[in-house]
Protein backbone atom coordinates (compact mmCIF):
# COMPACT_ATOMS: atom_id res chain seq x y z
CA MET A 1 3.89 40.80 70.94
CA ARG A 2 7.11 40.81 68.94
CA LYS A 3 8.30 44.00 70.65
CA LEU A 4 7.55 42.47 74.04
CA LEU A 5 9.57 39.36 73.13
CA LEU A 6 12.56 41.45 72.03
CA PHE A 7 12.37 43.53 75.19
CA THR A 8 12.28 40.37 77.33
CA ILE A 9 15.31 38.88 75.55
CA THR A 10 17.27 42.12 75.96
CA LEU A 11 16.40 42.32 79.65
CA VAL A 12 17.49 38.72 80.25
CA LEU A 13 20.83 39.33 78.52
CA MET A 14 21.44 42.43 80.62
CA LEU A 15 20.72 40.58 83.86
CA ALA A 16 22.90 37.65 82.81
CA ALA A 17 25.93 39.94 82.51
CA PRO A 18 25.68 42.48 85.38
CA VAL A 19 29.34 43.45 85.26
CA GLN A 20 29.78 46.31 82.81
CA ALA A 21 32.97 46.65 80.79
CA SER A 22 35.09 49.76 81.27
CA ASP A 23 38.07 50.91 79.26
CA THR A 24 41.49 50.29 80.75
CA ASN A 25 42.37 53.96 81.21
CA THR A 26 39.18 54.59 83.19
CA VAL A 27 39.82 51.56 85.36
CA LYS A 28 43.42 52.59 86.07
CA ALA A 29 42.43 56.17 86.89
CA THR A 30 39.75 54.91 89.27
CA ILE A 31 42.20 52.55 90.98
CA VAL A 32 44.75 55.33 91.48
CA LYS A 33 42.09 57.71 92.82
CA HIS A 34 40.76 55.25 95.39
CA ALA A 35 44.22 53.98 96.37
CA ILE A 36 45.43 57.50 97.18
CA SER A 37 42.24 58.36 99.10
CA MET A 38 42.54 55.11 101.10
CA GLY A 39 46.23 55.58 101.91
CA VAL A 40 47.55 52.75 99.72
CA ASP A 41 50.39 53.03 97.20
CA PRO A 42 48.73 53.17 93.73
CA ALA A 43 51.56 51.06 92.32
CA ILE A 44 50.62 48.02 94.42
CA ALA A 45 46.91 48.53 93.77
CA LEU A 46 47.48 48.66 90.01
CA SER A 47 49.73 45.60 90.18
CA ILE A 48 47.11 43.54 92.01
CA ALA A 49 44.40 44.54 89.51
CA LYS A 50 46.64 43.71 86.56
CA THR A 51 47.34 40.21 87.86
CA GLU A 52 43.78 39.55 88.99
CA SER A 53 41.90 40.67 85.90
CA GLY A 54 44.12 42.54 83.43
CA TYR A 55 42.13 45.64 84.47
CA ARG A 56 38.96 44.07 83.03
CA HIS A 57 35.87 44.82 85.07
CA ASN A 58 33.89 42.19 83.14
CA ALA A 59 36.30 39.44 84.20
CA ARG A 60 34.83 36.39 85.94
CA SER A 61 36.62 33.40 87.44
CA SER A 62 35.48 29.81 87.47
CA HIS A 63 35.03 30.18 91.23
CA GLY A 64 32.57 33.04 90.84
CA ALA A 65 34.87 35.97 91.59
CA VAL A 66 34.03 39.09 89.60
CA GLY A 67 35.42 42.44 88.53
CA VAL A 68 38.77 44.19 88.48
CA PHE A 69 39.87 42.85 91.87
CA GLN A 70 38.09 39.49 91.47
CA LEU A 71 35.91 39.77 94.55
CA MET A 72 33.54 37.02 95.62
CA PRO A 73 30.04 38.56 95.62
CA SER A 74 29.29 37.15 99.08
CA THR A 75 32.50 38.62 100.53
CA ALA A 76 31.89 42.00 98.91
CA ARG A 77 28.35 42.19 100.27
CA LYS A 78 29.60 41.41 103.78
CA MET A 79 31.77 44.51 103.35
CA GLY A 80 28.69 46.48 102.34
CA LEU A 81 29.82 46.76 98.71
CA ASN A 82 28.37 45.88 95.32
CA PRO A 83 31.00 43.80 93.48
CA TYR A 84 29.38 44.59 90.12
CA SER A 85 30.00 48.31 90.58
CA LEU A 86 33.40 49.43 89.29
CA ASN A 87 33.97 51.80 92.19
CA ASP A 88 32.83 49.33 94.85
CA ASN A 89 34.85 46.49 93.35
CA ILE A 90 38.00 48.57 93.36
CA LYS A 91 37.39 49.93 96.86
CA GLY A 92 36.72 46.40 98.10
CA GLY A 93 39.94 45.01 96.63
CA ILE A 94 42.08 47.83 98.01
CA MET A 95 40.33 47.64 101.37
CA TYR A 96 40.98 43.90 101.65
CA TYR A 97 44.65 44.27 100.69
CA LYS A 98 45.00 47.05 103.27
CA MET A 99 43.47 44.80 105.94
CA MET A 100 45.89 42.01 105.09
CA TYR A 101 48.83 44.43 105.15
CA LYS A 102 47.88 45.68 108.60
CA MET A 103 47.51 42.09 109.77
CA PHE A 104 50.88 40.81 108.51
CA GLY A 105 53.03 43.95 108.09
CA SER A 106 54.58 43.16 104.71
CA MET A 107 53.56 43.37 101.07
CA GLU A 108 54.51 39.78 100.29
CA LEU A 109 52.51 38.30 103.17
CA ALA A 110 49.56 40.61 102.48
CA LEU A 111 49.52 39.47 98.84
CA ALA A 112 49.81 35.83 99.89
CA ALA A 113 46.83 36.30 102.22
CA TYR A 114 44.92 38.03 99.41
CA ASN A 115 45.42 34.93 97.27
CA ALA A 116 45.47 32.01 99.71
CA GLY A 117 43.67 33.46 102.71
CA PRO A 118 45.06 34.80 106.00
CA GLY A 119 44.62 31.42 107.69
CA ASN A 120 47.21 29.77 105.44
CA VAL A 121 49.69 32.62 105.92
CA LYS A 122 49.32 32.28 109.70
CA LYS A 123 49.72 28.52 109.42
CA TYR A 124 53.10 28.76 107.70
CA ASN A 125 54.09 32.18 109.09
CA ALA A 126 55.31 32.87 105.56
CA VAL A 127 54.11 32.79 101.97
CA PRO A 128 52.36 29.38 101.75
CA PRO A 129 54.20 26.77 99.65
CA TYR A 130 51.53 26.77 96.97
CA VAL A 131 52.66 27.16 93.35
CA GLU A 132 49.76 29.47 92.48
CA THR A 133 50.28 31.70 95.52
CA LYS A 134 54.04 31.98 95.01
CA ARG A 135 53.51 32.86 91.35
CA PHE A 136 50.83 35.41 92.33
CA VAL A 137 53.10 37.16 94.85
CA SER A 138 56.14 37.10 92.56
CA LYS A 139 54.27 38.53 89.56
CA ILE A 140 52.69 41.34 91.53
CA MET A 141 55.94 42.32 93.23
CA THR A 142 57.68 42.40 89.83
CA ASP A 143 54.96 44.66 88.41
CA TYR A 144 55.07 46.80 91.55
CA HIS A 145 58.81 47.47 91.29
CA HIS A 146 58.41 48.23 87.58
CA LEU A 147 55.69 50.80 88.28
CA LYS A 148 57.77 52.43 91.01
CA ALA A 149 60.56 52.94 88.48
CA ASN A 150 58.23 53.71 85.56
CA PRO A 151 54.96 55.22 86.85
CA ASP A 152 51.82 54.47 84.88
CA PRO A 153 50.25 57.47 83.08
CA ALA A 154 47.35 57.26 85.53
CA MET A 155 49.82 57.79 88.39
CA ARG A 156 51.46 60.70 86.61
CA ALA A 157 48.06 62.26 85.92
CA ALA A 158 47.18 62.07 89.62
CA VAL A 159 50.41 63.88 90.53
CA ALA A 160 49.78 66.54 87.87
CA ALA A 161 46.20 67.04 89.07
CA LYS A 162 47.40 67.41 92.66
CA SER A 163 50.03 69.98 91.66
CA SER A 164 47.47 71.90 89.59
CA THR A 165 45.06 72.01 92.52
CA GLN A 166 47.74 73.32 94.85
CA VAL A 167 48.73 76.06 92.40
CA SER A 168 45.14 77.11 91.72
CA SER A 169 44.47 77.40 95.45
CA VAL A 170 46.64 80.55 95.57
CA PRO A 171 44.42 83.62 94.89
CA SER A 172 45.11 85.37 91.58
CA GLY A 173 47.22 88.49 92.05
CA ALA A 174 48.14 87.55 95.60
CA LYS A 175 51.51 88.86 96.73
CA VAL A 176 53.86 86.77 98.79
CA LEU A 177 55.62 89.03 101.24
CA PRO A 178 59.16 88.11 102.22
CA THR A 179 59.73 87.37 105.88
CA ALA A 180 62.64 88.84 107.79
CA SER A 181 65.34 86.36 108.67
CA ALA A 182 68.80 86.42 110.11
CA PRO A 183 71.73 86.31 107.63
CA VAL A 184 72.74 82.75 106.76
CA PRO A 185 76.48 81.97 106.75
CA LYS A 186 77.94 81.13 103.33
CA ALA A 187 79.00 77.64 104.46
CA ALA A 188 75.47 76.87 105.68
CA LYS A 189 74.03 78.02 102.35
CA GLU A 190 76.40 75.75 100.44
CA ASN A 191 75.51 72.78 102.65
CA GLU A 192 71.81 73.47 102.18
CA LEU A 193 72.19 73.66 98.40
CA SER A 194 74.17 70.43 98.35
CA THR A 195 71.46 68.69 100.38
CA LYS A 196 68.74 69.91 98.04
CA ILE A 197 70.63 68.68 94.98
CA GLN A 198 71.12 65.24 96.55
CA THR A 199 67.43 65.09 97.44
CA VAL A 200 66.38 65.92 93.89
CA GLU A 201 68.73 63.31 92.47
CA MET A 202 67.39 60.63 94.81
CA ALA A 203 63.68 61.43 94.34
CA PRO A 204 62.71 62.81 90.92
CA ILE A 205 59.71 65.08 91.31
CA GLU A 206 57.65 63.29 88.67
CA LEU A 207 57.75 60.08 90.73
CA GLU A 208 56.67 61.75 93.95
CA LEU A 209 53.20 60.65 95.07
CA GLU A 210 52.92 62.38 98.41
CA ALA A 211 54.61 59.73 100.50
CA SER A 212 53.07 61.20 103.60
CA GLY A 213 49.65 60.32 102.30
CA LEU A 214 50.48 56.79 101.18
CA ALA A 215 50.70 54.72 104.29
CA ILE A 216 51.34 51.45 102.47
């Protein structure tokens, strides 16, 4: 009887707190992974999560929003997602931001819609004049610009993993045969070298996150 009582109490406690906690590094890595796969800049995805929950998957709001991206359970389920799942919560948040971005065409308006709803953004045709929404947009944009200049370790790890995959895809011992080409004039070579140097200076390789794959 006593064992049954303890089991019942444990089960009730587990059901009362369905959102499981995850460490910050795991959450960040998951956000970056899903952002890249969904064509969204990881920097903006991380910034939204930081402001919404501080990367805490066990976060809950007084309005009932849950998880890293503070999704309403009813909204998440309409999207076919489980808001209590770390992966689904993150995918849902990124998906919703992406929808808002496609609707309004700018980060600021997409973030305003994320916070205040698309109806209010359409009403004012700008960031709504709500203190909370303005603070929300400003904070996320500040974090976003900081991450673009100083990538999070999770972003760097994603770049390193991508580079490692590309290198390992070349068969061991494979020989790269030179292709015949016409002689290049000295002046053209110098111009090409100068262009390459300028490109490197403008876009450090460690900050490169495959821009072609990040649509937003």
